[in-house]
C-alpha atoms as a PDB file:
ATOM      1  CA  MET A   1      44.241  -3.241  40.553  1.00  0.00           C
ATOM      2  CA  ASN A   2      46.399  -6.335  41.091  1.00  0.00           C
ATOM      3  CA  GLY A   3      42.995  -8.422  41.373  1.00  0.00           C
ATOM      4  CA  VAL A   4      41.854  -6.803  44.754  1.00  0.00           C
ATOM      5  CA  ARG A   5      40.394  -9.547  46.675  1.00  0.00           C
ATOM      6  CA  GLN A   6      39.525  -7.399  50.061  1.00  0.00           C
ATOM      7  CA  THR A   7      36.068  -6.731  50.646  1.00  0.00           C
ATOM      8  CA  GLY A   8      33.716  -4.936  53.232  1.00  0.00           C
ATOM      9  CA  GLY A   9      36.742  -3.041  54.884  1.00  0.00           C
ATOM     10  CA  VAL A  10      38.673  -6.122  55.722  1.00  0.00           C
ATOM     11  CA  ARG A  11      42.297  -5.939  55.486  1.00  0.00           C
ATOM     12  CA  TYR A  12      45.257  -8.254  56.538  1.00  0.00           C
ATOM     13  CA  LEU A  13      48.562  -8.062  57.985  1.00  0.00           C
ATOM     14  CA  ILE A  14      51.000 -10.807  56.779  1.00  0.00           C
ATOM     15  CA  VAL A  15      53.921 -11.457  59.502  1.00  0.00           C
ATOM     16  CA  VAL A  16      56.783 -12.885  58.031  1.00  0.00           C
ATOM     17  CA  ARG A  17      60.081 -14.154  59.743  1.00  0.00           C
ATOM     18  CA  HIS A  18      63.091 -14.144  57.361  1.00  0.00           C
ATOM     19  CA  ALA A  19      64.030 -17.588  55.870  1.00  0.00           C
ATOM     20  CA  THR A  20      67.103 -19.559  57.334  1.00  0.00           C
ATOM     21  CA  ALA A  21      70.289 -17.481  57.176  1.00  0.00           C
ATOM     22  CA  GLU A  22      73.947 -18.272  57.236  1.00  0.00           C
ATOM     23  CA  ASP A  23      75.468 -18.715  60.745  1.00  0.00           C
ATOM     24  CA  PRO A  24      77.423 -15.481  62.145  1.00  0.00           C
ATOM     25  CA  GLU A  25      80.993 -15.691  60.594  1.00  0.00           C
ATOM     26  CA  PRO A  26      84.098 -13.711  61.938  1.00  0.00           C
ATOM     27  CA  GLY A  27      84.587 -10.472  60.318  1.00  0.00           C
ATOM     28  CA  ARG A  28      81.079 -10.094  59.034  1.00  0.00           C
ATOM     29  CA  THR A  29      78.331  -8.226  60.661  1.00  0.00           C
ATOM     30  CA  ASP A  30      75.317  -9.599  61.636  1.00  0.00           C
ATOM     31  CA  VAL A  31      73.357  -7.511  59.407  1.00  0.00           C
ATOM     32  CA  GLU A  32      75.006  -8.871  56.374  1.00  0.00           C
ATOM     33  CA  ARG A  33      74.115 -12.345  56.877  1.00  0.00           C
ATOM     34  CA  ALA A  34      72.709 -14.003  53.682  1.00  0.00           C
ATOM     35  CA  LEU A  35      70.208 -16.960  53.259  1.00  0.00           C
ATOM     36  CA  THR A  36      71.402 -20.603  52.902  1.00  0.00           C
ATOM     37  CA  LYS A  37      70.347 -23.030  50.214  1.00  0.00           C
ATOM     38  CA  LYS A  38      67.617 -24.058  52.847  1.00  0.00           C
ATOM     39  CA  GLY A  39      66.632 -20.393  53.138  1.00  0.00           C
ATOM     40  CA  ARG A  40      66.334 -19.930  49.323  1.00  0.00           C
ATOM     41  CA  ARG A  41      64.261 -23.108  49.149  1.00  0.00           C
ATOM     42  CA  GLN A  42      61.827 -21.662  51.933  1.00  0.00           C
ATOM     43  CA  CYS A  43      61.412 -18.555  49.776  1.00  0.00           C
ATOM     44  CA  ALA A  44      60.607 -20.366  46.802  1.00  0.00           C
ATOM     45  CA  ARG A  45      57.691 -21.718  48.807  1.00  0.00           C
ATOM     46  CA  LEU A  46      56.582 -18.164  49.972  1.00  0.00           C
ATOM     47  CA  ARG A  47      56.760 -17.077  46.248  1.00  0.00           C
ATOM     48  CA  ALA A  48      54.619 -19.958  45.229  1.00  0.00           C
ATOM     49  CA  TRP A  49      52.095 -18.981  47.976  1.00  0.00           C
ATOM     50  CA  ALA A  50      52.225 -15.360  47.264  1.00  0.00           C
ATOM     51  CA  GLU A  51      51.447 -15.967  43.529  1.00  0.00           C
ATOM     52  CA  ASP A  52      48.618 -18.437  44.484  1.00  0.00           C
ATOM     53  CA  PRO A  53      45.057 -16.669  44.767  1.00  0.00           C
ATOM     54  CA  GLY A  54      44.121 -19.434  47.034  1.00  0.00           C
ATOM     55  CA  ALA A  55      46.997 -19.190  49.475  1.00  0.00           C
ATOM     56  CA  LEU A  56      48.823 -15.949  50.484  1.00  0.00           C
ATOM     57  CA  GLY A  57      47.882 -14.590  47.232  1.00  0.00           C
ATOM     58  CA  ARG A  58      44.328 -13.851  48.266  1.00  0.00           C
ATOM     59  CA  PHE A  59      45.260 -11.221  51.210  1.00  0.00           C
ATOM     60  CA  GLY A  60      46.757  -8.766  48.868  1.00  0.00           C
ATOM     61  CA  PRO A  61      47.655  -6.520  47.583  1.00  0.00           C
ATOM     62  CA  VAL A  62      49.931  -5.381  50.279  1.00  0.00           C
ATOM     63  CA  THR A  63      52.139  -2.658  51.312  1.00  0.00           C
ATOM     64  CA  ALA A  64      55.432  -4.411  52.440  1.00  0.00           C
ATOM     65  CA  VAL A  65      57.677  -3.158  55.272  1.00  0.00           C
ATOM     66  CA  VAL A  66      60.836  -4.910  55.215  1.00  0.00           C
ATOM     67  CA  SER A  67      63.962  -4.895  57.889  1.00  0.00           C
ATOM     68  CA  ALA A  68      67.042  -3.649  56.599  1.00  0.00           C
ATOM     69  CA  ALA A  69      69.068  -6.960  57.379  1.00  0.00           C
ATOM     70  CA  ALA A  70      70.425  -8.673  54.172  1.00  0.00           C
ATOM     71  CA  ARG A  71      68.628 -11.799  55.413  1.00  0.00           C
ATOM     72  CA  THR A  72      65.055 -10.097  55.507  1.00  0.00           C
ATOM     73  CA  ARG A  73      65.898  -8.056  52.225  1.00  0.00           C
ATOM     74  CA  GLU A  74      66.667 -11.528  50.400  1.00  0.00           C
ATOM     75  CA  THR A  75      63.714 -13.058  51.772  1.00  0.00           C
ATOM     76  CA  PHE A  76      61.473 -10.195  50.509  1.00  0.00           C
ATOM     77  CA  GLU A  77      63.029 -10.059  47.075  1.00  0.00           C
ATOM     78  CA  ARG A  78      63.148 -13.849  46.546  1.00  0.00           C
ATOM     79  CA  GLY A  79      59.559 -14.502  48.106  1.00  0.00           C
ATOM     80  CA  PHE A  80      57.668 -11.506  47.269  1.00  0.00           C
ATOM     81  CA  ALA A  81      59.291  -9.058  45.038  1.00  0.00           C
ATOM     82  CA  GLY A  82      57.524  -8.768  41.582  1.00  0.00           C
ATOM     83  CA  THR A  83      54.290 -10.716  42.764  1.00  0.00           C
ATOM     84  CA  SER A  84      50.685  -9.487  42.420  1.00  0.00           C
ATOM     85  CA  LEU A  85      50.587  -9.776  46.280  1.00  0.00           C
ATOM     86  CA  VAL A  86      52.868  -6.520  46.560  1.00  0.00           C
ATOM     87  CA  ALA A  87      51.807  -3.354  45.344  1.00  0.00           C
ATOM     88  CA  GLU A  88      54.636  -1.419  47.077  1.00  0.00           C
ATOM     89  CA  SER A  89      57.571  -1.849  49.416  1.00  0.00           C
ATOM     90  CA  PHE A  90      59.707   0.100  51.981  1.00  0.00           C
ATOM     91  CA  GLU A  91      63.134  -1.019  53.607  1.00  0.00           C
ATOM     92  CA  SER A  92      62.969  -0.201  57.425  1.00  0.00           C
ATOM     93  CA  PRO A  93      66.170   0.075  59.436  1.00  0.00           C
ATOM     94  CA  ALA A  94      64.066   0.336  62.460  1.00  0.00           C
ATOM     95  CA  LEU A  95      63.138  -3.258  62.213  1.00  0.00           C
ATOM     96  CA  TYR A  96      66.603  -4.811  62.473  1.00  0.00           C
ATOM     97  CA  ASN A  97      66.966  -6.000  65.843  1.00  0.00           C
ATOM     98  CA  GLY A  98      70.626  -6.600  65.850  1.00  0.00           C
ATOM     99  CA  ARG A  99      71.606  -3.437  67.584  1.00  0.00           C
ATOM    100  CA  ARG A 100      68.799  -2.865  69.862  1.00  0.00           C
ATOM    101  CA  PRO A 101      65.833  -4.535  71.055  1.00  0.00           C
ATOM    102  CA  VAL A 102      62.678  -4.160  68.824  1.00  0.00           C
ATOM    103  CA  GLY A 103      59.409  -4.330  70.204  1.00  0.00           C
ATOM    104  CA  VAL A 104      55.894  -4.682  68.999  1.00  0.00           C
ATOM    105  CA  GLU A 105      55.361  -1.082  69.371  1.00  0.00           C
ATOM    106  CA  ASP A 106      58.373  -0.472  67.025  1.00  0.00           C
ATOM    107  CA  VAL A 107      56.769  -2.692  64.217  1.00  0.00           C
ATOM    108  CA  VAL A 108      53.453  -1.041  64.712  1.00  0.00           C
ATOM    109  CA  VAL A 109      55.036   2.560  64.269  1.00  0.00           C
ATOM    110  CA  GLU A 110      56.598   1.301  61.165  1.00  0.00           C
ATOM    111  CA  LEU A 111      53.314  -0.355  59.856  1.00  0.00           C
ATOM    112  CA  VAL A 112      51.430   2.860  60.549  1.00  0.00           C
ATOM    113  CA  ALA A 113      53.951   5.143  58.901  1.00  0.00           C
ATOM    114  CA  HIS A 114      53.378   3.248  55.607  1.00  0.00           C
ATOM    115  CA  ASP A 115      49.785   2.264  55.985  1.00  0.00           C
ATOM    116  CA  THR A 116      47.527   3.950  53.499  1.00  0.00           C
ATOM    117  CA  ALA A 117      44.375   2.225  54.725  1.00  0.00           C
ATOM    118  CA  ALA A 118      43.653   1.219  51.316  1.00  0.00           C
ATOM    119  CA  ARG A 119      45.402  -2.090  51.076  1.00  0.00           C
ATOM    120  CA  SER A 120      46.833  -5.107  53.543  1.00  0.00           C
ATOM    121  CA  LEU A 121      50.107  -5.124  55.251  1.00  0.00           C
ATOM    122  CA  LEU A 122      53.318  -7.328  54.984  1.00  0.00           C
ATOM    123  CA  VAL A 123      56.173  -7.125  57.463  1.00  0.00           C
ATOM    124  CA  VAL A 124      59.340  -9.120  56.981  1.00  0.00           C
ATOM    125  CA  GLY A 125      61.274  -9.209  60.113  1.00  0.00           C
ATOM    126  CA  HIS A 126      63.027 -11.428  62.753  1.00  0.00           C
ATOM    127  CA  ASN A 127      62.450 -13.542  65.809  1.00  0.00           C
ATOM    128  CA  PRO A 128      61.565 -13.008  68.739  1.00  0.00           C
ATOM    129  CA  THR A 129      60.066  -9.856  67.307  1.00  0.00           C
ATOM    130  CA  VAL A 130      57.795 -11.331  64.853  1.00  0.00           C
ATOM    131  CA  ARG A 131      56.507 -14.080  67.284  1.00  0.00           C
ATOM    132  CA  GLU A 132      55.938 -11.114  69.952  1.00  0.00           C
ATOM    133  CA  VAL A 133      53.741  -9.175  67.062  1.00  0.00           C
ATOM    134  CA  VAL A 134      51.525 -12.253  66.511  1.00  0.00           C
ATOM    135  CA  ASP A 135      51.210 -12.962  70.284  1.00  0.00           C
ATOM    136  CA  VAL A 136      50.273  -9.390  71.207  1.00  0.00           C
ATOM    137  CA  LEU A 137      48.079  -8.515  68.049  1.00  0.00           C
ATOM    138  CA  GLY A 138      46.680 -12.038  67.024  1.00  0.00           C
ATOM    139  CA  LEU A 139      43.967 -14.331  68.285  1.00  0.00           C
ATOM    140  CA  GLY A 140      43.986 -18.021  67.672  1.00  0.00           C
ATOM    141  CA  VAL A 141      47.418 -18.069  66.271  1.00  0.00           C
ATOM    142  CA  PRO A 142      48.662 -21.755  65.670  1.00  0.00           C
ATOM    143  CA  LEU A 143      52.243 -21.400  66.856  1.00  0.00           C
ATOM    144  CA  SER A 144      52.503 -24.187  69.582  1.00  0.00           C
ATOM    145  CA  ARG A 145      55.824 -23.868  71.081  1.00  0.00           C
ATOM    146  CA  GLU A 146      56.640 -20.688  73.361  1.00  0.00           C
ATOM    147  CA  GLY A 147      58.788 -18.237  71.379  1.00  0.00           C
ATOM    148  CA  TRP A 148      58.882 -20.513  68.175  1.00  0.00           C
ATOM    149  CA  PHE A 149      57.953 -19.028  64.577  1.00  0.00           C
ATOM    150  CA  PRO A 150      59.114 -20.987  61.528  1.00  0.00           C
ATOM    151  CA  LYS A 151      62.076 -19.465  59.432  1.00  0.00           C
ATOM    152  CA  GLY A 152      60.340 -18.188  56.279  1.00  0.00           C
ATOM    153  CA  GLY A 153      57.028 -18.632  57.875  1.00  0.00           C
ATOM    154  CA  ALA A 154      53.813 -16.254  57.646  1.00  0.00           C
ATOM    155  CA  VAL A 155      50.978 -15.534  59.802  1.00  0.00           C
ATOM    156  CA  VAL A 156      47.940 -13.732  58.597  1.00  0.00           C
ATOM    157  CA  LEU A 157      45.862 -11.576  60.713  1.00  0.00           C
ATOM    158  CA  GLU A 158      42.742  -9.944  59.814  1.00  0.00           C
ATOM    159  CA  LEU A 159      42.386  -6.307  60.264  1.00  0.00           C
ATOM    160  CA  ALA A 160      38.478  -5.982  60.119  1.00  0.00           C
ATOM    161  CA  ASP A 161      36.310  -2.954  60.392  1.00  0.00           C
ATOM    162  CA  GLY A 162      38.860  -0.270  60.370  1.00  0.00           C
ATOM    163  CA  ARG A 163      40.590  -1.308  63.832  1.00  0.00           C
ATOM    164  CA  PRO A 164      43.830   0.138  64.303  1.00  0.00           C
ATOM    165  CA  ILE A 165      46.739  -2.188  63.875  1.00  0.00           C
ATOM    166  CA  GLY A 166      47.769  -1.727  67.464  1.00  0.00           C
ATOM    167  CA  ALA A 167      44.542  -2.633  69.161  1.00  0.00           C
ATOM    168  CA  GLY A 168      45.265  -6.339  69.192  1.00  0.00           C
ATOM    169  CA  GLY A 169      42.504  -8.871  68.937  1.00  0.00           C
ATOM    170  CA  HIS A 170      43.122  -9.621  65.192  1.00  0.00           C
ATOM    171  CA  ARG A 171      41.704 -13.225  64.170  1.00  0.00           C
ATOM    172  CA  CYS A 172      44.399 -15.519  62.582  1.00  0.00           C
ATOM    173  CA  VAL A 173      43.073 -16.406  59.040  1.00  0.00           C
ATOM    174  CA  GLY A 174      46.229 -17.965  57.638  1.00  0.00           C
ATOM    175  CA  PHE A 175      49.485 -19.875  58.573  1.00  0.00           C
ATOM    176  CA  PHE A 176      52.212 -20.842  56.276  1.00  0.00           C
ATOM    177  CA  ASP A 177      55.137 -22.994  57.315  1.00  0.00           C
ATOM    178  CA  PRO A 178      57.851 -23.607  54.645  1.00  0.00           C
ATOM    179  CA  THR A 179      59.663 -25.783  57.177  1.00  0.00           C
ATOM    180  CA  ALA A 180      56.957 -28.349  57.364  1.00  0.00           C
ATOM    181  CA  GLU A 181      58.319 -29.455  54.209  1.00  0.00           C
ATOM    182  CA  ASP A 182      62.150 -29.804  54.994  1.00  0.00           C
END
């Protein structure tokens, strides 16, 4: 089963911000924004980490929930689709924050809706929502600047002992920043 690496009831929540996207253009909606060349390079780093059993790969297999925006779908496709990290994935229009504010509760509701409790979870979304998720749910997250979350970055929170996702206090066990190499 995809080389399951989870033991003793420990699961993980991997929170990913989409990679660098095009600037808004007249005549195009925000939801249509695709990744830039830089964003595609960030996704290549995400994919390398996802395929590495010593990096992000060690936290799988996951059920992925991805915002319906083009840039988040492309981040997922280029960074995670088809890797052994991902067992299944779902697209979520509720996670796109271009039309209304999306908060931590919205993300938790979407994750719970797709959570089988049998594997870890991965969410690909937008800032400021992804930062708020790790601020509210995580402990010891190494994000230094207020409101900052690296484009194409991933934070891994431990979901130990069957605690519900929304309970908070989940220890940070991984941080991946593809922008550090730019």
